[in-house]
Amino acid sequence: MAGQAAEAQSGAMILPILAVLLVANPTPTADFRFATPEHEVSMKVEFPSVYRGEPLAFYGNEGPSTRRCLTDHCIDRFYGAVAVVNFQVTKAHAKASKPTSLREVVTILEQSADLPATPKLELTKKIVNGQIGDIQLMGYDEDQIPSAERERMRQEAPVRMWRRVRQELYLNGAAKPFAVVEWRHTMQGVSIESCR
């Protein structure tokens, strides 16, 4: 399992958003609002059903023919959980600067022993038309697991694969984060432990 756990994917990934849509049933959501002296930020989080060997795919405004993948290759048999975050950033007043970028700093607070160590991640992405998206996920590509071992992996993964993550979010190169979100990533779901 240790070698297979190295194939596990977990973390945060900020994406420029072009109306990213999940192919899923309506999902539970959570809404948060933040304010800086120059901007107002709304954060909507969707918690879709867990994936059990299904394609991990997202689609743009163009419809199902525009499948977007999170990695260089599309994952056709993802086993795990996802949360989809959409940010809307607006000016707080007329003289405020235009919101141009969102930077995240992600730190692993604790994790199961079977997951590989992950260094702190810092990533900056451009805000497009006041919007940007983020994906939180925990899981693995079942195509990387021999079919004879998939059921055993499914049984063991909930206990052997979990992670707690702190995500600090900054606008336009600010020194102070506008939000700090603590996430819990498990195979049964991605959840928010705190958001301030």
C-alpha atoms as a PDB file:
ATOM      1  CA  MET A   1       0.000   0.000   0.000  1.00  0.00           C
ATOM      2  CA  ALA A   2       2.850   2.412   0.716  1.00  0.00           C
ATOM      3  CA  GLY A   3       3.822   2.549  -2.963  1.00  0.00           C
ATOM      4  CA  GLN A   4       0.199   2.944  -3.931  1.00  0.00           C
ATOM      5  CA  ALA A   5      -0.336   5.681  -1.372  1.00  0.00           C
ATOM      6  CA  ALA A   6       2.370   7.642  -3.145  1.00  0.00           C
ATOM      7  CA  GLU A   7      -0.013   7.760  -6.104  1.00  0.00           C
ATOM      8  CA  ALA A   8      -2.646   9.433  -3.911  1.00  0.00           C
ATOM      9  CA  GLN A   9      -3.553  12.966  -4.760  1.00  0.00           C
ATOM     10  CA  SER A  10      -4.459  15.448  -2.090  1.00  0.00           C
ATOM     11  CA  GLY A  11      -4.277  19.166  -1.910  1.00  0.00           C
ATOM     12  CA  ALA A  12      -5.509  22.443  -3.091  1.00  0.00           C
ATOM     13  CA  MET A  13      -5.344  23.705  -6.619  1.00  0.00           C
ATOM     14  CA  ILE A  14      -6.455  27.161  -7.667  1.00  0.00           C
ATOM     15  CA  LEU A  15      -7.875  27.293 -11.177  1.00  0.00           C
ATOM     16  CA  PRO A  16      -8.896  30.218 -13.353  1.00  0.00           C
ATOM     17  CA  ILE A  17     -12.624  29.755 -13.594  1.00  0.00           C
ATOM     18  CA  LEU A  18     -14.617  29.745 -16.765  1.00  0.00           C
ATOM     19  CA  ALA A  19     -17.855  28.635 -15.122  1.00  0.00           C
ATOM     20  CA  VAL A  20     -16.409  25.333 -13.923  1.00  0.00           C
ATOM     21  CA  LEU A  21     -19.239  22.844 -13.593  1.00  0.00           C
ATOM     22  CA  LEU A  22     -19.236  19.364 -12.100  1.00  0.00           C
ATOM     23  CA  VAL A  23     -21.140  16.612 -13.795  1.00  0.00           C
ATOM     24  CA  ALA A  24     -23.096  15.542 -10.733  1.00  0.00           C
ATOM     25  CA  ASN A  25     -26.418  15.868  -8.968  1.00  0.00           C
ATOM     26  CA  PRO A  26     -27.129  19.009  -6.945  1.00  0.00           C
ATOM     27  CA  THR A  27     -24.678  19.103  -4.071  1.00  0.00           C
ATOM     28  CA  PRO A  28     -24.536  20.556  -0.571  1.00  0.00           C
ATOM     29  CA  THR A  29     -22.964  24.024  -0.448  1.00  0.00           C
ATOM     30  CA  ALA A  30     -21.465  26.468   2.041  1.00  0.00           C
ATOM     31  CA  ASP A  31     -21.172  30.232   1.539  1.00  0.00           C
ATOM     32  CA  PHE A  32     -18.649  32.594   3.139  1.00  0.00           C
ATOM     33  CA  ARG A  33     -18.002  36.339   2.798  1.00  0.00           C
ATOM     34  CA  PHE A  34     -14.780  38.239   3.481  1.00  0.00           C
ATOM     35  CA  ALA A  35     -13.840  41.902   3.295  1.00  0.00           C
ATOM     36  CA  THR A  36     -10.571  43.764   2.890  1.00  0.00           C
ATOM     37  CA  PRO A  37     -10.234  47.568   2.796  1.00  0.00           C
ATOM     38  CA  GLU A  38     -10.461  47.416  -1.012  1.00  0.00           C
ATOM     39  CA  HIS A  39     -12.360  44.213  -1.886  1.00  0.00           C
ATOM     40  CA  GLU A  40     -15.299  42.030  -1.019  1.00  0.00           C
ATOM     41  CA  VAL A  41     -14.889  38.304  -1.581  1.00  0.00           C
ATOM     42  CA  SER A  42     -17.617  35.691  -1.650  1.00  0.00           C
ATOM     43  CA  MET A  43     -16.614  32.031  -1.466  1.00  0.00           C
ATOM     44  CA  LYS A  44     -19.105  29.337  -2.435  1.00  0.00           C
ATOM     45  CA  VAL A  45     -18.089  25.748  -1.741  1.00  0.00           C
ATOM     46  CA  GLU A  46     -19.802  22.733  -3.312  1.00  0.00           C
ATOM     47  CA  PHE A  47     -19.399  19.259  -1.808  1.00  0.00           C
ATOM     48  CA  PRO A  48     -20.352  16.733  -4.507  1.00  0.00           C
ATOM     49  CA  SER A  49     -20.900  13.055  -3.828  1.00  0.00           C
ATOM     50  CA  VAL A  50     -17.768  10.970  -3.414  1.00  0.00           C
ATOM     51  CA  TYR A  51     -16.262   9.415  -6.514  1.00  0.00           C
ATOM     52  CA  ARG A  52     -16.116   5.622  -6.654  1.00  0.00           C
ATOM     53  CA  GLY A  53     -14.030   4.874  -9.734  1.00  0.00           C
ATOM     54  CA  GLU A  54     -15.600   7.563 -11.941  1.00  0.00           C
ATOM     55  CA  PRO A  55     -14.089  10.168 -14.279  1.00  0.00           C
ATOM     56  CA  LEU A  56     -12.767  13.250 -12.492  1.00  0.00           C
ATOM     57  CA  ALA A  57     -13.849  15.837 -15.018  1.00  0.00           C
ATOM     58  CA  PHE A  58     -14.980  19.439 -15.104  1.00  0.00           C
ATOM     59  CA  TYR A  59     -16.633  21.291 -17.981  1.00  0.00           C
ATOM     60  CA  GLY A  60     -16.609  24.884 -19.173  1.00  0.00           C
ATOM     61  CA  ASN A  61     -19.391  27.039 -20.583  1.00  0.00           C
ATOM     62  CA  GLU A  62     -19.143  25.231 -23.899  1.00  0.00           C
ATOM     63  CA  GLY A  63     -20.784  22.077 -22.457  1.00  0.00           C
ATOM     64  CA  PRO A  64     -19.817  18.406 -22.181  1.00  0.00           C
ATOM     65  CA  SER A  65     -17.540  18.519 -25.216  1.00  0.00           C
ATOM     66  CA  THR A  66     -15.057  20.720 -23.302  1.00  0.00           C
ATOM     67  CA  ARG A  67     -13.835  18.290 -20.657  1.00  0.00           C
ATOM     68  CA  ARG A  68     -11.119  19.832 -18.470  1.00  0.00           C
ATOM     69  CA  CYS A  69      -8.714  17.780 -16.415  1.00  0.00           C
ATOM     70  CA  LEU A  70      -6.647  18.649 -13.342  1.00  0.00           C
ATOM     71  CA  THR A  71      -3.467  16.983 -14.551  1.00  0.00           C
ATOM     72  CA  ASP A  72      -1.718  16.346 -17.856  1.00  0.00           C
ATOM     73  CA  HIS A  73      -3.926  13.306 -18.364  1.00  0.00           C
ATOM     74  CA  CYS A  74      -7.582  12.920 -17.442  1.00  0.00           C
ATOM     75  CA  ILE A  75      -8.367  10.591 -14.561  1.00  0.00           C
ATOM     76  CA  ASP A  76     -11.034   8.148 -15.714  1.00  0.00           C
ATOM     77  CA  ARG A  77     -11.271   6.094 -12.499  1.00  0.00           C
ATOM     78  CA  PHE A  78     -10.963   8.549  -9.596  1.00  0.00           C
ATOM     79  CA  TYR A  79     -11.690   7.145  -6.153  1.00  0.00           C
ATOM     80  CA  GLY A  80     -12.042   9.811  -3.482  1.00  0.00           C
ATOM     81  CA  ALA A  81     -13.651  13.098  -2.546  1.00  0.00           C
ATOM     82  CA  VAL A  82     -13.699  16.631  -3.946  1.00  0.00           C
ATOM     83  CA  ALA A  83     -14.811  20.116  -2.912  1.00  0.00           C
ATOM     84  CA  VAL A  84     -15.233  22.786  -5.591  1.00  0.00           C
ATOM     85  CA  VAL A  85     -14.717  26.416  -4.537  1.00  0.00           C
ATOM     86  CA  ASN A  86     -15.793  29.471  -6.525  1.00  0.00           C
ATOM     87  CA  PHE A  87     -14.596  32.939  -5.538  1.00  0.00           C
ATOM     88  CA  GLN A  88     -16.253  36.167  -6.671  1.00  0.00           C
ATOM     89  CA  VAL A  89     -14.107  39.257  -6.008  1.00  0.00           C
ATOM     90  CA  THR A  90     -15.493  42.793  -6.318  1.00  0.00           C
ATOM     91  CA  LYS A  91     -14.232  46.276  -5.474  1.00  0.00           C
ATOM     92  CA  ALA A  92     -15.379  47.603  -2.088  1.00  0.00           C
ATOM     93  CA  HIS A  93     -15.445  51.180  -3.427  1.00  0.00           C
ATOM     94  CA  ALA A  94     -14.816  53.102  -6.668  1.00  0.00           C
ATOM     95  CA  LYS A  95     -11.173  53.962  -5.864  1.00  0.00           C
ATOM     96  CA  ALA A  96     -10.223  50.372  -5.016  1.00  0.00           C
ATOM     97  CA  SER A  97      -7.633  48.611  -7.159  1.00  0.00           C
ATOM     98  CA  LYS A  98      -8.810  45.974  -9.594  1.00  0.00           C
ATOM     99  CA  PRO A  99      -8.603  42.427  -8.169  1.00  0.00           C
ATOM    100  CA  THR A 100      -5.928  40.793 -10.335  1.00  0.00           C
ATOM    101  CA  SER A 101      -4.552  37.744  -8.533  1.00  0.00           C
ATOM    102  CA  LEU A 102      -5.211  35.251  -5.777  1.00  0.00           C
ATOM    103  CA  ARG A 103      -2.311  33.633  -3.969  1.00  0.00           C
ATOM    104  CA  GLU A 104      -2.667  30.583  -1.774  1.00  0.00           C
ATOM    105  CA  VAL A 105      -0.215  29.171   0.734  1.00  0.00           C
ATOM    106  CA  VAL A 106      -1.059  25.592   1.699  1.00  0.00           C
ATOM    107  CA  THR A 107       0.459  23.869   4.721  1.00  0.00           C
ATOM    108  CA  ILE A 108      -0.144  20.268   5.796  1.00  0.00           C
ATOM    109  CA  LEU A 109      -1.095  20.372   9.493  1.00  0.00           C
ATOM    110  CA  GLU A 110      -1.205  16.597   9.949  1.00  0.00           C
ATOM    111  CA  GLN A 111      -1.806  13.501   7.862  1.00  0.00           C
ATOM    112  CA  SER A 112      -1.905   9.720   7.923  1.00  0.00           C
ATOM    113  CA  ALA A 113       1.466   7.992   7.994  1.00  0.00           C
ATOM    114  CA  ASP A 114       0.853   6.299   4.632  1.00  0.00           C
ATOM    115  CA  LEU A 115       0.780   9.551   2.681  1.00  0.00           C
ATOM    116  CA  PRO A 116       4.041  10.979   1.354  1.00  0.00           C
ATOM    117  CA  ALA A 117       5.390  14.136   2.969  1.00  0.00           C
ATOM    118  CA  THR A 118       4.298  17.237   1.094  1.00  0.00           C
ATOM    119  CA  PRO A 119       6.158  20.561   1.272  1.00  0.00           C
ATOM    120  CA  LYS A 120       4.364  23.875   1.728  1.00  0.00           C
ATOM    121  CA  LEU A 121       2.724  24.918  -1.548  1.00  0.00           C
ATOM    122  CA  GLU A 122       2.522  28.497  -2.752  1.00  0.00           C
ATOM    123  CA  LEU A 123       0.628  29.270  -5.940  1.00  0.00           C
ATOM    124  CA  THR A 124      -0.608  32.506  -7.545  1.00  0.00           C
ATOM    125  CA  LYS A 125      -3.265  32.614 -10.247  1.00  0.00           C
ATOM    126  CA  LYS A 126      -4.894  35.388 -12.238  1.00  0.00           C
ATOM    127  CA  ILE A 127      -8.444  36.459 -11.412  1.00  0.00           C
ATOM    128  CA  VAL A 128     -10.559  36.581 -14.594  1.00  0.00           C
ATOM    129  CA  ASN A 129     -13.643  38.823 -14.666  1.00  0.00           C
ATOM    130  CA  GLY A 130     -13.663  38.892 -10.862  1.00  0.00           C
ATOM    131  CA  GLN A 131     -13.800  35.090 -10.616  1.00  0.00           C
ATOM    132  CA  ILE A 132     -11.456  32.255  -9.765  1.00  0.00           C
ATOM    133  CA  GLY A 133     -11.958  28.645  -8.749  1.00  0.00           C
ATOM    134  CA  ASP A 134     -10.262  26.183  -6.437  1.00  0.00           C
ATOM    135  CA  ILE A 135     -10.394  22.408  -6.133  1.00  0.00           C
ATOM    136  CA  GLN A 136      -9.773  20.527  -2.885  1.00  0.00           C
ATOM    137  CA  LEU A 137      -9.390  16.790  -3.309  1.00  0.00           C
ATOM    138  CA  MET A 138      -8.326  13.541  -1.684  1.00  0.00           C
ATOM    139  CA  GLY A 139      -8.125  10.351  -3.652  1.00  0.00           C
ATOM    140  CA  TYR A 140      -6.286   8.315  -6.209  1.00  0.00           C
ATOM    141  CA  ASP A 141      -6.456   7.108  -9.795  1.00  0.00           C
ATOM    142  CA  GLU A 142      -7.686   3.500  -9.763  1.00  0.00           C
ATOM    143  CA  ASP A 143      -6.167   2.943 -13.201  1.00  0.00           C
ATOM    144  CA  GLN A 144      -2.793   2.995 -11.380  1.00  0.00           C
ATOM    145  CA  ILE A 145      -3.903   0.083  -9.129  1.00  0.00           C
ATOM    146  CA  PRO A 146      -3.981  -3.493 -10.502  1.00  0.00           C
ATOM    147  CA  SER A 147      -7.635  -4.573 -10.801  1.00  0.00           C
ATOM    148  CA  ALA A 148      -7.117  -7.510  -8.423  1.00  0.00           C
ATOM    149  CA  GLU A 149      -6.044  -5.062  -5.673  1.00  0.00           C
ATOM    150  CA  ARG A 150      -8.689  -2.339  -6.143  1.00  0.00           C
ATOM    151  CA  GLU A 151     -11.239  -3.716  -3.679  1.00  0.00           C
ATOM    152  CA  ARG A 152      -8.626  -4.145  -0.955  1.00  0.00           C
ATOM    153  CA  MET A 153      -7.391  -0.604  -1.597  1.00  0.00           C
ATOM    154  CA  ARG A 154     -10.965   0.722  -1.352  1.00  0.00           C
ATOM    155  CA  GLN A 155     -11.383  -0.996   2.024  1.00  0.00           C
ATOM    156  CA  GLU A 156      -8.067   0.253   3.451  1.00  0.00           C
ATOM    157  CA  ALA A 157      -8.013   3.790   2.024  1.00  0.00           C
ATOM    158  CA  PRO A 158     -10.516   5.410   4.443  1.00  0.00           C
ATOM    159  CA  VAL A 159      -8.278   4.608   7.414  1.00  0.00           C
ATOM    160  CA  ARG A 160      -4.933   4.999   5.697  1.00  0.00           C
ATOM    161  CA  MET A 161      -5.516   8.182   3.681  1.00  0.00           C
ATOM    162  CA  TRP A 162      -6.472  11.447   5.385  1.00  0.00           C
ATOM    163  CA  ARG A 163      -4.985  14.907   5.723  1.00  0.00           C
ATOM    164  CA  ARG A 164      -5.619  18.236   7.514  1.00  0.00           C
ATOM    165  CA  VAL A 165      -4.632  21.309   5.516  1.00  0.00           C
ATOM    166  CA  ARG A 166      -4.410  25.052   6.225  1.00  0.00           C
ATOM    167  CA  GLN A 167      -4.981  27.294   3.200  1.00  0.00           C
ATOM    168  CA  GLU A 168      -4.108  30.997   3.505  1.00  0.00           C
ATOM    169  CA  LEU A 169      -5.618  33.198   0.778  1.00  0.00           C
ATOM    170  CA  TYR A 170      -4.211  36.573  -0.339  1.00  0.00           C
ATOM    171  CA  LEU A 171      -5.394  39.149  -2.906  1.00  0.00           C
ATOM    172  CA  ASN A 172      -3.133  41.199  -5.212  1.00  0.00           C
ATOM    173  CA  GLY A 173       0.099  40.386  -3.365  1.00  0.00           C
ATOM    174  CA  ALA A 174      -1.173  41.498   0.053  1.00  0.00           C
ATOM    175  CA  ALA A 175       0.988  40.628   3.069  1.00  0.00           C
ATOM    176  CA  LYS A 176      -2.009  39.636   5.205  1.00  0.00           C
ATOM    177  CA  PRO A 177      -4.430  36.863   4.149  1.00  0.00           C
ATOM    178  CA  PHE A 178      -8.067  37.811   3.675  1.00  0.00           C
ATOM    179  CA  ALA A 179      -9.039  34.288   4.727  1.00  0.00           C
ATOM    180  CA  VAL A 180      -7.554  31.217   6.409  1.00  0.00           C
ATOM    181  CA  VAL A 181      -9.394  27.955   5.748  1.00  0.00           C
ATOM    182  CA  GLU A 182      -8.628  24.679   7.499  1.00  0.00           C
ATOM    183  CA  TRP A 183      -9.719  21.655   5.490  1.00  0.00           C
ATOM    184  CA  ARG A 184     -10.037  17.987   6.373  1.00  0.00           C
ATOM    185  CA  HIS A 185      -9.479  15.692   3.392  1.00  0.00           C
ATOM    186  CA  THR A 186     -10.697  12.100   3.756  1.00  0.00           C
ATOM    187  CA  MET A 187     -11.835   9.442   1.337  1.00  0.00           C
ATOM    188  CA  GLN A 188     -15.410   9.945   2.595  1.00  0.00           C
ATOM    189  CA  GLY A 189     -15.412  13.675   1.944  1.00  0.00           C
ATOM    190  CA  VAL A 190     -13.615  16.993   1.996  1.00  0.00           C
ATOM    191  CA  SER A 191     -14.870  19.319   4.730  1.00  0.00           C
ATOM    192  CA  ILE A 192     -14.134  22.714   6.252  1.00  0.00           C
ATOM    193  CA  GLU A 193     -13.004  22.575   9.879  1.00  0.00           C
ATOM    194  CA  SER A 194     -12.690  26.351  10.258  1.00  0.00           C
ATOM    195  CA  CYS A 195     -12.836  29.451   8.102  1.00  0.00           C
ATOM    196  CA  ARG A 196     -11.834  32.892   9.303  1.00  0.00           C
END
